[in-house]
N, C-alpha and C. Protein backbone atom coordinates (compact mmCIF):
# COMPACT_ATOMS: atom_id res chain seq x y z
N MET A 1 -61.66 -28.13 -13.81
CA MET A 1 -61.94 -29.61 -14.40
C MET A 1 -61.17 -30.75 -13.69
N PRO A 2 -61.79 -31.71 -13.08
CA PRO A 2 -60.97 -32.72 -12.56
C PRO A 2 -59.95 -33.50 -13.15
N ILE A 3 -58.90 -33.85 -12.54
CA ILE A 3 -57.87 -34.49 -12.84
C ILE A 3 -57.98 -35.91 -12.74
N PRO A 4 -58.08 -36.94 -13.79
CA PRO A 4 -58.52 -38.32 -13.68
C PRO A 4 -57.68 -38.95 -12.51
N SER A 5 -56.15 -38.80 -12.57
CA SER A 5 -55.49 -39.59 -11.33
C SER A 5 -55.89 -39.19 -9.80
N ARG A 6 -56.37 -37.90 -9.79
CA ARG A 6 -56.59 -37.31 -8.33
C ARG A 6 -58.28 -37.91 -8.14
N VAL A 7 -59.07 -37.97 -9.08
CA VAL A 7 -60.24 -38.70 -8.79
C VAL A 7 -60.04 -40.07 -8.41
N LEU A 8 -59.34 -40.76 -9.00
CA LEU A 8 -59.08 -42.31 -8.72
C LEU A 8 -58.51 -42.25 -7.37
N ALA A 9 -57.56 -41.47 -6.87
CA ALA A 9 -56.76 -41.47 -5.76
C ALA A 9 -57.70 -41.15 -4.58
N SER A 10 -58.63 -40.67 -4.88
CA SER A 10 -59.84 -40.40 -3.89
C SER A 10 -60.48 -41.56 -3.54
N GLY A 11 -60.44 -42.63 -4.19
CA GLY A 11 -61.21 -43.72 -3.90
C GLY A 11 -62.36 -44.10 -4.95
N THR A 12 -62.48 -43.15 -5.69
CA THR A 12 -63.64 -43.35 -6.79
C THR A 12 -63.43 -44.51 -7.64
N SER A 13 -64.37 -45.12 -8.21
CA SER A 13 -64.09 -46.28 -9.03
C SER A 13 -63.78 -45.70 -10.55
N PRO A 14 -63.05 -46.61 -11.58
CA PRO A 14 -62.72 -46.24 -12.68
C PRO A 14 -63.73 -45.71 -13.48
N LEU A 15 -65.06 -46.51 -13.28
CA LEU A 15 -65.98 -46.19 -14.07
C LEU A 15 -66.75 -44.78 -13.81
N ALA A 16 -66.75 -44.50 -12.45
CA ALA A 16 -67.19 -43.30 -11.98
C ALA A 16 -66.32 -42.15 -12.28
N THR A 17 -64.89 -42.39 -12.37
CA THR A 17 -64.13 -41.42 -12.85
C THR A 17 -64.27 -41.00 -14.26
N THR A 18 -64.35 -42.11 -15.18
CA THR A 18 -64.68 -41.71 -16.45
C THR A 18 -66.09 -40.96 -16.63
N SER A 19 -66.92 -41.25 -15.99
CA SER A 19 -68.18 -40.57 -15.86
C SER A 19 -67.98 -38.97 -15.68
N ILE A 20 -67.22 -38.76 -14.53
CA ILE A 20 -66.74 -37.36 -13.98
C ILE A 20 -65.87 -36.67 -15.15
N ASN A 21 -64.73 -37.16 -15.55
CA ASN A 21 -63.80 -36.58 -16.60
C ASN A 21 -63.97 -36.84 -17.79
N GLY A 22 -64.86 -37.63 -18.33
CA GLY A 22 -64.94 -37.97 -19.68
C GLY A 22 -63.99 -38.98 -20.05
N ASP A 23 -64.22 -39.63 -21.32
CA ASP A 23 -63.31 -40.77 -21.89
C ASP A 23 -62.71 -40.29 -23.22
N GLY A 24 -61.75 -40.60 -23.69
CA GLY A 24 -61.02 -40.36 -24.76
C GLY A 24 -60.96 -41.37 -26.06
N ALA A 25 -61.04 -41.05 -27.28
CA ALA A 25 -60.74 -41.86 -28.45
C ALA A 25 -59.71 -41.22 -29.34
N VAL A 26 -58.69 -42.08 -29.61
CA VAL A 26 -57.70 -41.64 -30.77
C VAL A 26 -57.70 -42.49 -31.83
N ALA A 27 -56.98 -42.13 -32.81
CA ALA A 27 -56.87 -42.79 -34.03
C ALA A 27 -58.27 -42.99 -35.13
N LEU A 28 -59.18 -41.88 -34.72
CA LEU A 28 -60.43 -42.05 -35.31
C LEU A 28 -60.18 -41.74 -36.82
N VAL A 29 -60.90 -42.27 -37.60
CA VAL A 29 -61.09 -42.20 -39.13
C VAL A 29 -62.47 -41.53 -39.39
N ALA A 30 -62.39 -40.16 -40.04
CA ALA A 30 -63.61 -39.47 -40.56
C ALA A 30 -64.05 -40.06 -41.76
N LEU A 31 -65.61 -40.22 -41.83
CA LEU A 31 -66.28 -41.07 -42.71
C LEU A 31 -67.24 -40.06 -43.38
N GLY A 32 -67.76 -40.59 -44.59
CA GLY A 32 -68.96 -40.25 -45.21
C GLY A 32 -68.94 -38.82 -45.58
N SER A 33 -69.85 -38.17 -46.45
CA SER A 33 -69.85 -37.04 -46.83
C SER A 33 -71.06 -36.19 -46.40
N THR A 34 -71.98 -36.75 -45.44
CA THR A 34 -73.10 -36.01 -44.99
C THR A 34 -73.32 -36.37 -43.36
N ALA A 35 -74.38 -35.70 -42.70
CA ALA A 35 -74.57 -36.12 -41.49
C ALA A 35 -74.72 -37.57 -41.31
N ALA A 36 -75.56 -38.11 -42.26
CA ALA A 36 -76.20 -39.35 -42.18
C ALA A 36 -75.13 -40.47 -42.02
N ASP A 37 -74.01 -40.23 -42.85
CA ASP A 37 -72.67 -41.19 -42.87
C ASP A 37 -71.52 -40.83 -42.36
N ALA A 38 -71.67 -39.91 -41.51
CA ALA A 38 -70.29 -39.34 -40.83
C ALA A 38 -70.12 -40.33 -39.82
N LEU A 39 -68.86 -40.39 -39.37
CA LEU A 39 -68.40 -41.39 -38.14
C LEU A 39 -69.12 -40.62 -36.75
N GLN A 40 -69.87 -41.34 -36.20
CA GLN A 40 -70.68 -41.05 -34.98
C GLN A 40 -69.47 -41.20 -33.67
N LEU A 41 -69.33 -40.10 -33.17
CA LEU A 41 -68.44 -39.62 -32.09
C LEU A 41 -68.94 -40.50 -30.81
N SER A 42 -68.31 -41.15 -30.02
CA SER A 42 -68.88 -41.61 -28.75
C SER A 42 -68.02 -41.21 -27.52
N ALA A 43 -67.09 -40.59 -27.57
CA ALA A 43 -66.05 -40.24 -26.42
C ALA A 43 -66.41 -38.62 -26.42
N VAL A 44 -65.88 -38.12 -25.10
CA VAL A 44 -65.94 -36.80 -25.13
C VAL A 44 -64.59 -36.16 -25.61
N TRP A 45 -63.30 -36.80 -25.33
CA TRP A 45 -62.15 -36.07 -26.00
C TRP A 45 -61.82 -36.96 -27.38
N ASN A 46 -61.75 -36.39 -28.67
CA ASN A 46 -61.70 -37.19 -29.79
C ASN A 46 -60.38 -36.72 -30.64
N THR A 47 -59.59 -37.73 -31.03
CA THR A 47 -58.63 -37.13 -32.00
C THR A 47 -58.88 -38.19 -33.45
N ILE A 48 -58.84 -37.29 -34.40
CA ILE A 48 -59.09 -37.70 -35.75
C ILE A 48 -57.64 -37.54 -36.44
N THR A 49 -57.23 -39.05 -36.72
CA THR A 49 -55.96 -39.05 -37.35
C THR A 49 -56.00 -39.36 -39.05
N THR A 50 -57.07 -39.89 -39.52
CA THR A 50 -57.27 -40.18 -40.94
C THR A 50 -58.57 -39.62 -41.36
N SER A 51 -58.49 -38.90 -42.53
CA SER A 51 -59.83 -38.67 -43.16
C SER A 51 -59.19 -38.27 -44.74
N SER A 52 -60.34 -38.53 -45.65
CA SER A 52 -60.37 -38.06 -46.99
C SER A 52 -61.06 -36.75 -47.11
N ALA A 53 -60.84 -36.07 -48.34
CA ALA A 53 -61.44 -34.91 -48.31
C ALA A 53 -63.00 -35.00 -48.36
N SER A 54 -63.91 -34.05 -47.73
CA SER A 54 -64.86 -33.75 -47.61
C SER A 54 -65.76 -35.06 -46.84
N THR A 55 -65.08 -35.73 -45.89
CA THR A 55 -65.47 -36.59 -44.61
C THR A 55 -65.60 -35.77 -43.34
N GLY A 56 -66.37 -36.46 -42.76
CA GLY A 56 -66.76 -35.90 -41.18
C GLY A 56 -67.03 -36.83 -40.19
N VAL A 57 -67.35 -36.10 -38.91
CA VAL A 57 -67.85 -36.76 -37.84
C VAL A 57 -69.13 -36.18 -37.34
N LYS A 58 -69.76 -36.93 -36.52
CA LYS A 58 -71.13 -36.45 -35.94
C LYS A 58 -70.90 -36.53 -34.37
N LEU A 59 -71.43 -35.45 -33.88
CA LEU A 59 -71.49 -35.15 -32.35
C LEU A 59 -72.52 -36.34 -31.63
N GLN A 60 -72.60 -36.30 -30.35
CA GLN A 60 -73.39 -37.26 -29.53
C GLN A 60 -74.74 -36.46 -29.38
N PRO A 61 -75.85 -36.90 -29.16
CA PRO A 61 -76.82 -35.97 -28.93
C PRO A 61 -76.74 -34.78 -27.84
N THR A 62 -77.39 -33.78 -28.39
CA THR A 62 -76.97 -32.61 -27.40
C THR A 62 -77.69 -32.75 -26.12
N GLU A 63 -76.91 -32.30 -24.93
CA GLU A 63 -77.52 -32.24 -23.73
C GLU A 63 -76.95 -30.98 -23.07
N ALA A 64 -77.89 -30.25 -22.58
CA ALA A 64 -77.37 -28.94 -21.90
C ALA A 64 -76.14 -29.11 -20.82
N GLY A 65 -75.23 -28.40 -21.08
CA GLY A 65 -73.84 -28.67 -20.14
C GLY A 65 -73.01 -29.60 -20.58
N ALA A 66 -73.04 -30.26 -21.80
CA ALA A 66 -72.40 -31.16 -22.32
C ALA A 66 -71.01 -30.62 -22.83
N PHE A 67 -69.88 -31.22 -22.83
CA PHE A 67 -68.72 -30.83 -23.63
C PHE A 67 -68.10 -31.86 -24.66
N VAL A 68 -67.71 -31.60 -25.69
CA VAL A 68 -66.85 -32.58 -26.61
C VAL A 68 -65.63 -31.61 -27.03
N GLY A 69 -64.50 -32.40 -27.17
CA GLY A 69 -63.27 -31.83 -27.78
C GLY A 69 -62.86 -32.82 -29.01
N ILE A 70 -62.47 -31.96 -29.82
CA ILE A 70 -62.36 -32.68 -31.17
C ILE A 70 -60.88 -32.09 -31.67
N ARG A 71 -59.86 -32.91 -31.78
CA ARG A 71 -58.69 -32.56 -32.44
C ARG A 71 -58.40 -33.07 -33.99
N ASN A 72 -58.07 -32.41 -34.83
CA ASN A 72 -57.96 -32.88 -36.24
C ASN A 72 -56.67 -32.85 -36.71
N ASP A 73 -55.91 -34.26 -36.60
CA ASP A 73 -54.62 -34.47 -37.03
C ASP A 73 -54.52 -35.44 -38.33
N SER A 74 -55.59 -35.06 -39.17
CA SER A 74 -55.76 -36.10 -40.39
C SER A 74 -55.13 -35.74 -41.62
N GLY A 75 -54.82 -34.31 -41.63
CA GLY A 75 -54.23 -33.69 -42.85
C GLY A 75 -55.22 -33.04 -43.88
N GLN A 76 -56.36 -33.35 -43.50
CA GLN A 76 -57.62 -32.80 -44.23
C GLN A 76 -58.70 -32.01 -43.45
N THR A 77 -59.12 -31.20 -44.02
CA THR A 77 -60.29 -30.62 -43.21
C THR A 77 -61.50 -31.24 -43.29
N VAL A 78 -62.12 -31.66 -41.84
CA VAL A 78 -63.08 -32.20 -41.60
C VAL A 78 -64.48 -31.62 -41.23
N THR A 79 -65.69 -32.02 -41.49
CA THR A 79 -66.80 -31.34 -41.21
C THR A 79 -67.35 -32.07 -39.85
N VAL A 80 -67.73 -31.29 -39.02
CA VAL A 80 -68.53 -31.72 -37.77
C VAL A 80 -69.87 -31.23 -37.83
N TYR A 81 -70.77 -32.50 -37.66
CA TYR A 81 -72.19 -32.34 -37.78
C TYR A 81 -72.73 -32.62 -36.30
N PRO A 82 -73.92 -31.83 -36.25
CA PRO A 82 -74.74 -32.15 -34.85
C PRO A 82 -75.40 -33.33 -34.98
N PHE A 83 -75.88 -33.96 -34.00
CA PHE A 83 -76.57 -35.32 -33.96
C PHE A 83 -77.84 -35.55 -34.82
N ASN A 84 -78.63 -34.40 -34.82
CA ASN A 84 -79.70 -34.22 -35.81
C ASN A 84 -79.98 -32.91 -36.24
N THR A 85 -80.97 -32.88 -37.18
CA THR A 85 -81.34 -31.67 -37.67
C THR A 85 -81.83 -30.73 -36.83
N SER A 86 -82.56 -30.90 -35.77
CA SER A 86 -83.11 -29.99 -35.01
C SER A 86 -82.15 -29.42 -33.88
N THR A 87 -80.79 -29.71 -34.03
CA THR A 87 -79.78 -29.15 -33.39
C THR A 87 -78.54 -28.24 -34.20
N THR A 88 -78.19 -27.23 -33.74
CA THR A 88 -77.35 -26.34 -34.65
C THR A 88 -76.12 -26.19 -33.74
N ILE A 89 -75.02 -25.69 -34.63
CA ILE A 89 -73.68 -25.51 -34.04
C ILE A 89 -73.60 -23.86 -34.24
N ASN A 90 -73.38 -23.14 -33.10
CA ASN A 90 -72.84 -21.78 -33.12
C ASN A 90 -74.25 -21.03 -33.64
N ALA A 91 -75.35 -21.39 -33.09
CA ALA A 91 -76.71 -20.57 -33.24
C ALA A 91 -76.84 -20.47 -34.78
N GLY A 92 -77.00 -21.51 -35.33
CA GLY A 92 -77.86 -21.48 -36.49
C GLY A 92 -77.30 -22.45 -37.87
N ALA A 93 -75.73 -22.75 -37.62
CA ALA A 93 -75.21 -23.45 -38.77
C ALA A 93 -75.50 -25.01 -38.61
N THR A 94 -75.54 -25.69 -39.45
CA THR A 94 -75.68 -27.19 -39.71
C THR A 94 -74.43 -28.00 -39.63
N SER A 95 -73.35 -27.24 -39.53
CA SER A 95 -72.13 -28.01 -39.55
C SER A 95 -71.02 -27.11 -39.30
N LEU A 96 -69.90 -27.62 -38.80
CA LEU A 96 -68.60 -26.73 -38.48
C LEU A 96 -67.53 -27.24 -39.30
N SER A 97 -66.65 -26.78 -40.07
CA SER A 97 -65.54 -27.13 -40.70
C SER A 97 -64.19 -27.02 -39.90
N LEU A 98 -63.50 -27.98 -39.66
CA LEU A 98 -62.31 -28.21 -38.76
C LEU A 98 -61.08 -28.37 -39.54
N ALA A 99 -60.24 -27.55 -39.83
CA ALA A 99 -59.12 -27.57 -40.40
C ALA A 99 -58.12 -28.49 -39.86
N THR A 100 -57.13 -29.02 -40.53
CA THR A 100 -56.05 -30.00 -40.07
C THR A 100 -55.26 -29.09 -39.11
N ALA A 101 -54.81 -29.78 -38.06
CA ALA A 101 -53.89 -29.20 -36.93
C ALA A 101 -54.79 -28.35 -36.06
N LYS A 102 -55.98 -28.34 -36.16
CA LYS A 102 -56.95 -27.70 -35.31
C LYS A 102 -57.57 -28.26 -34.22
N THR A 103 -58.06 -27.74 -33.19
CA THR A 103 -58.77 -28.45 -32.25
C THR A 103 -59.90 -27.51 -31.87
N VAL A 104 -61.13 -28.05 -31.68
CA VAL A 104 -62.33 -27.37 -31.31
C VAL A 104 -62.91 -27.96 -30.04
N LEU A 105 -63.35 -27.10 -28.99
CA LEU A 105 -64.12 -27.32 -27.96
C LEU A 105 -65.57 -26.91 -28.05
N LEU A 106 -66.38 -27.85 -27.99
CA LEU A 106 -67.79 -27.67 -28.38
C LEU A 106 -68.50 -27.83 -26.83
N PHE A 107 -69.31 -27.06 -26.63
CA PHE A 107 -70.10 -26.98 -25.17
C PHE A 107 -71.76 -26.68 -25.58
N ALA A 108 -72.61 -27.33 -24.96
CA ALA A 108 -74.17 -27.10 -25.23
C ALA A 108 -74.73 -26.34 -24.18
N PRO A 109 -74.72 -25.12 -24.52
CA PRO A 109 -75.62 -24.05 -23.57
C PRO A 109 -77.06 -24.50 -23.34
N SER A 110 -77.64 -25.23 -24.63
CA SER A 110 -79.03 -25.78 -24.36
C SER A 110 -78.83 -27.19 -25.16
N ALA A 111 -80.43 -27.68 -24.95
CA ALA A 111 -80.38 -29.01 -25.70
C ALA A 111 -80.61 -28.89 -27.12
N THR A 112 -80.37 -27.87 -27.90
CA THR A 112 -80.58 -27.71 -29.30
C THR A 112 -79.51 -27.02 -29.88
N THR A 113 -78.32 -26.63 -29.00
CA THR A 113 -77.29 -25.72 -29.87
C THR A 113 -76.00 -26.10 -28.88
N TRP A 114 -75.02 -26.09 -30.00
CA TRP A 114 -73.54 -26.54 -29.50
C TRP A 114 -73.00 -25.04 -29.97
N ALA A 115 -72.20 -24.60 -29.09
CA ALA A 115 -71.12 -23.32 -29.36
C ALA A 115 -69.60 -24.05 -29.46
N SER A 116 -69.09 -23.35 -30.14
CA SER A 116 -67.41 -23.72 -30.20
C SER A 116 -66.59 -22.70 -30.00
N VAL A 117 -65.41 -23.25 -29.45
CA VAL A 117 -64.32 -22.39 -29.42
C VAL A 117 -63.07 -23.22 -30.12
N LEU A 118 -62.66 -22.54 -31.02
CA LEU A 118 -61.63 -23.04 -32.22
C LEU A 118 -60.35 -22.54 -31.91
N THR A 119 -59.42 -23.45 -31.95
CA THR A 119 -57.86 -22.89 -31.96
C THR A 119 -57.61 -22.21 -33.10
N ALA A 120 -56.43 -21.23 -32.77
CA ALA A 120 -55.99 -20.48 -33.90
C ALA A 120 -55.24 -21.16 -34.58
């Protein structure tokens, strides 16, 4: 994976560097209790710091080859939903539970599936 400072040092613009490396969002607040009202994620690397019980976040539209990282530091388990009902997580699930103090890396091997790697 490219390192942002090295990409910038090569003369690449800040916007292009973000496109290559992805952007980050911190201090996110998980919302809602369904995919319809969950917090819509817009960054590649995300840190949730606040949530209530049974709240969640929703992934971006699935695109083959995409990556999304989510860290949950909220103190509550949050639910991660795919963008729409035609997309699944881990070959069939409609959501993923992310416990507090855990990180998940999601990658899209196809346009309709997210696969996950969860920290221990």
